[in-house]
Amino acid sequence: MSNRVLLKCQHCGYRWDYRGENELYATCTQCRYKVKIPDDEARILRQKKSSQELKSSFSIEKRPVKLLGIAGIVNKAVEDYQYERNMLIQILLRLQRGFNWLPMEMLSEVSKQLNIPLSQVYQVATFYKTFSLAPRGRHLIRVCMGTSCKVRGAPIILDSVQMLLSIEQGETTPDSRFSLETVNCLGCCALGPMMTVDGEYHGNLKLPDVKKILSKYS
């Protein structure tokens, strides 16, 4: 049925296309006489109005919602990887780099936005040592405790780091400056003992080297 409503003024006989919203009366554009809208035309107007309201409602419902806080941070990473579930590790790595650790609220949001079980997200986040579920310091120290490094003095290097920072392996300094971890291998066995700070490699370490290296990081 056409939405075109043609009205005729009972006073002057003028005909015109009515485009207003009032379903009862219209004003003649020629003589300004108030014209009663016939029932058939009024029904067309009601249908047209209902259709427009439905479209408007649908448009509002489909409008993207801007997510805030943790949800917004996660949504940006998930969107960049096009909501691909098999990109879970890359998404977690992106979040880890930006946030420095992965709070449970963030893991829960990843689970929700990728529509995968939280247990699966948690399993990945705890399996790989690169992820941390606790706040980390501004600088991450990793001391290699693999066999080659151990026989070259890695335990002494680790003790020195712990003594200088007054923390144990797996802890963060009170000023959030350093976090300390141990790893089984850094892939440079011939250069042991070895440690990294923020991914920067320091090999063939001697005890005096440790204090000098740490002093570079504020």
Protein backbone atom coordinates (compact mmCIF):
# COMPACT_ATOMS: atom_id res chain seq x y z
CA MET A 1 0.00 0.00 0.00
CA SER A 2 1.31 3.43 -0.94
CA ASN A 3 2.26 5.84 1.86
CA ARG A 4 1.22 8.77 -0.32
CA VAL A 5 -1.67 10.69 1.31
CA LEU A 6 -3.65 12.97 -1.00
CA LEU A 7 -6.00 15.35 0.79
CA LYS A 8 -8.74 17.68 -0.54
CA CYS A 9 -9.78 20.85 1.21
CA GLN A 10 -13.57 20.92 1.79
CA HIS A 11 -13.43 24.70 1.86
CA CYS A 12 -11.53 25.67 -1.32
CA GLY A 13 -11.27 22.34 -3.16
CA TYR A 14 -7.44 22.44 -3.26
CA ARG A 15 -5.65 19.07 -3.37
CA TRP A 16 -2.18 18.45 -1.98
CA ASP A 17 0.19 15.73 -0.77
CA TYR A 18 0.03 15.67 2.99
CA ARG A 19 3.37 14.87 4.68
CA GLY A 20 2.54 15.75 8.28
CA GLU A 21 2.21 13.43 11.28
CA ASN A 22 -1.19 14.45 12.68
CA GLU A 23 -3.64 11.63 11.97
CA LEU A 24 -6.83 13.64 12.64
CA TYR A 25 -6.58 17.07 11.03
CA ALA A 26 -4.42 18.86 8.45
CA THR A 27 -4.18 22.53 7.45
CA CYS A 28 -4.86 23.37 3.81
CA THR A 29 -1.70 24.84 2.33
CA GLN A 30 -3.81 27.11 0.10
CA CYS A 31 -6.49 28.68 2.34
CA ARG A 32 -5.26 27.50 5.78
CA TYR A 33 -8.62 25.82 6.43
CA LYS A 34 -8.54 22.94 8.93
CA VAL A 35 -9.33 19.72 7.07
CA LYS A 36 -10.42 16.48 8.75
CA ILE A 37 -8.33 13.55 7.53
CA PRO A 38 -10.53 10.68 6.20
CA ASP A 39 -10.27 7.31 8.01
CA ASP A 40 -8.53 5.52 5.10
CA GLU A 41 -5.84 8.20 4.84
CA ALA A 42 -5.48 8.28 8.64
CA ARG A 43 -4.81 4.51 8.60
CA ILE A 44 -2.04 5.01 6.01
CA LEU A 45 -0.48 7.69 8.22
CA ARG A 46 -0.55 5.37 11.26
CA GLN A 47 1.10 2.58 9.30
CA LYS A 48 3.77 4.95 8.02
CA LYS A 49 4.44 6.25 11.52
CA SER A 50 4.69 2.74 12.96
CA SER A 51 7.10 1.73 10.18
CA GLN A 52 9.34 4.74 10.86
CA GLU A 53 9.37 4.06 14.61
CA LEU A 54 10.29 0.43 13.98
CA LYS A 55 13.18 1.45 11.71
CA SER A 56 14.39 3.97 14.28
CA SER A 57 14.24 1.38 17.05
CA PHE A 58 16.12 -1.17 14.95
CA SER A 59 18.80 1.39 14.13
CA ILE A 60 19.32 2.20 17.80
CA GLU A 61 19.56 -1.48 18.74
CA LYS A 62 22.17 -2.15 16.04
CA ARG A 63 24.27 0.89 16.86
CA PRO A 64 27.68 -0.25 18.20
CA VAL A 65 28.09 0.26 21.93
CA LYS A 66 31.28 1.93 23.03
CA LEU A 67 32.85 -0.25 25.70
CA LEU A 68 34.71 1.38 28.57
CA GLY A 69 37.38 0.30 31.04
CA ILE A 70 38.70 -3.28 30.84
CA ALA A 71 35.96 -4.21 28.36
CA GLY A 72 37.06 -1.41 26.01
CA ILE A 73 40.73 -2.39 26.22
CA VAL A 74 39.91 -6.02 25.46
CA ASN A 75 37.48 -5.07 22.69
CA LYS A 76 40.18 -3.07 20.85
CA ALA A 77 42.56 -6.06 20.87
CA VAL A 78 39.85 -8.54 19.92
CA GLU A 79 38.63 -6.31 17.08
CA ASP A 80 42.17 -5.95 15.70
CA TYR A 81 42.33 -9.75 15.43
CA GLN A 82 38.80 -9.87 13.93
CA TYR A 83 37.35 -11.92 16.80
CA GLU A 84 39.37 -14.98 15.69
CA ARG A 85 39.43 -17.53 18.50
CA ASN A 86 42.62 -19.13 17.22
CA MET A 87 44.37 -15.79 17.82
CA LEU A 88 43.86 -16.09 21.59
CA ILE A 89 47.59 -16.17 22.39
CA GLN A 90 48.28 -13.09 20.25
CA ILE A 91 45.37 -11.25 21.88
CA LEU A 92 46.66 -12.07 25.36
CA LEU A 93 50.17 -10.99 24.35
CA ARG A 94 48.78 -7.64 23.13
CA LEU A 95 46.92 -7.13 26.40
CA GLN A 96 49.95 -8.18 28.44
CA ARG A 97 52.18 -5.65 26.65
CA GLY A 98 49.71 -2.85 27.18
CA PHE A 99 48.61 -3.66 30.73
CA ASN A 100 51.78 -5.38 32.00
CA TRP A 101 49.74 -8.23 33.51
CA LEU A 102 46.45 -10.09 33.01
CA PRO A 103 43.91 -9.53 35.78
CA MET A 104 41.11 -12.10 36.08
CA GLU A 105 38.58 -9.47 34.99
CA MET A 106 40.50 -9.15 31.72
CA LEU A 107 40.57 -12.92 31.15
CA SER A 108 36.84 -13.05 31.81
CA GLU A 109 36.24 -10.29 29.27
CA VAL A 110 38.35 -12.09 26.65
CA SER A 111 36.29 -15.22 27.27
CA LYS A 112 33.06 -13.28 26.82
CA GLN A 113 34.06 -11.37 23.70
CA LEU A 114 35.57 -14.40 21.93
CA ASN A 115 32.74 -16.62 23.16
CA ILE A 116 35.08 -19.30 24.50
CA PRO A 117 35.17 -20.90 27.99
CA LEU A 118 36.99 -18.96 30.69
CA SER A 119 38.76 -22.19 31.63
CA GLN A 120 40.36 -22.27 28.17
CA VAL A 121 41.59 -18.67 28.45
CA TYR A 122 42.92 -19.32 31.96
CA GLN A 123 44.69 -22.50 30.83
CA VAL A 124 46.57 -20.61 28.12
CA ALA A 125 47.40 -17.68 30.44
CA THR A 126 48.89 -20.02 33.06
CA PHE A 127 50.65 -22.40 30.66
CA TYR A 128 52.97 -19.82 29.08
CA LYS A 129 55.42 -18.13 31.43
CA THR A 130 55.37 -14.94 29.43
CA PHE A 131 51.94 -14.21 30.91
CA SER A 132 51.51 -12.91 34.44
CA LEU A 133 48.32 -13.04 36.50
CA ALA A 134 49.81 -10.72 39.11
CA PRO A 135 51.01 -7.10 38.76
CA ARG A 136 54.56 -6.81 37.45
CA GLY A 137 57.16 -4.12 37.92
CA ARG A 138 58.13 -1.65 35.21
CA HIS A 139 61.15 -3.84 34.37
CA LEU A 140 61.11 -7.63 34.12
CA ILE A 141 64.29 -9.52 35.02
CA ARG A 142 64.63 -13.12 33.86
CA VAL A 143 67.56 -15.19 35.10
CA CYS A 144 68.30 -18.39 33.19
CA MET A 145 68.55 -21.46 35.43
CA GLY A 146 69.12 -24.00 32.65
CA THR A 147 71.84 -26.60 33.05
CA SER A 148 74.50 -24.73 31.04
CA CYS A 149 73.93 -21.51 32.95
CA LYS A 150 73.79 -23.30 36.30
CA VAL A 151 77.20 -24.87 35.91
CA ARG A 152 78.56 -21.44 34.91
CA GLY A 153 77.32 -19.72 38.06
CA ALA A 154 73.65 -18.80 37.48
CA PRO A 155 72.64 -19.52 41.12
CA ILE A 156 75.20 -16.95 42.32
CA ILE A 157 73.85 -14.39 39.83
CA LEU A 158 70.29 -15.06 41.00
CA ASP A 159 71.33 -14.67 44.66
CA SER A 160 72.99 -11.36 43.81
CA VAL A 161 69.86 -10.01 42.10
CA GLN A 162 67.68 -11.11 45.02
CA MET A 163 70.02 -9.52 47.54
CA LEU A 164 70.28 -6.21 45.64
CA LEU A 165 66.50 -5.91 45.18
CA SER A 166 65.46 -7.55 48.48
CA ILE A 167 62.97 -9.80 46.71
CA GLU A 168 62.69 -13.49 45.88
CA GLN A 169 62.03 -15.15 42.53
CA GLY A 170 58.42 -14.47 41.47
CA GLU A 171 58.18 -11.23 43.46
CA THR A 172 58.07 -7.51 42.64
CA THR A 173 59.89 -4.73 44.45
CA PRO A 174 57.69 -2.53 46.71
CA ASP A 175 58.24 0.46 44.39
CA SER A 176 57.05 -1.63 41.39
CA ARG A 177 60.38 -1.02 39.68
CA PHE A 178 61.47 -4.64 39.12
CA SER A 179 59.91 -8.09 38.92
CA LEU A 180 62.12 -11.17 39.07
CA GLU A 181 61.57 -14.50 37.34
CA THR A 182 63.63 -17.56 36.51
CA VAL A 183 63.44 -19.47 33.23
CA ASN A 184 64.76 -22.84 32.09
CA CYS A 185 66.45 -21.52 28.96
CA LEU A 186 67.00 -18.23 27.15
CA GLY A 187 68.44 -19.89 24.08
CA CYS A 188 72.02 -18.61 24.54
CA CYS A 189 73.63 -21.48 26.44
CA ALA A 190 77.16 -20.64 25.28
CA LEU A 191 76.88 -17.19 26.88
CA GLY A 192 75.88 -18.33 30.38
CA PRO A 193 75.33 -17.28 33.01
CA MET A 194 72.67 -15.20 31.33
CA MET A 195 69.83 -12.89 32.28
CA THR A 196 67.52 -10.51 30.45
CA VAL A 197 66.01 -7.20 31.52
CA ASP A 198 62.96 -6.19 29.48
CA GLY A 199 64.11 -8.62 26.80
CA GLU A 200 67.64 -7.20 26.58
CA TYR A 201 70.23 -9.99 26.87
CA HIS A 202 73.18 -9.85 29.27
CA GLY A 203 75.57 -12.79 29.02
CA ASN A 204 78.87 -14.05 30.49
CA LEU A 205 77.84 -12.37 33.72
CA LYS A 206 80.16 -11.73 36.64
CA LEU A 207 78.95 -10.61 40.06
CA PRO A 208 80.00 -6.93 39.61
CA ASP A 209 78.02 -6.82 36.35
CA VAL A 210 74.67 -7.33 38.07
CA LYS A 211 74.63 -4.08 40.06
CA LYS A 212 75.89 -2.10 37.06
CA ILE A 213 73.17 -3.53 34.78
CA LEU A 214 70.32 -2.93 37.25
CA SER A 215 71.43 0.67 37.84
CA LYS A 216 70.58 1.48 34.19
CA TYR A 217 66.88 0.90 34.77
CA SER A 218 64.95 3.58 36.65
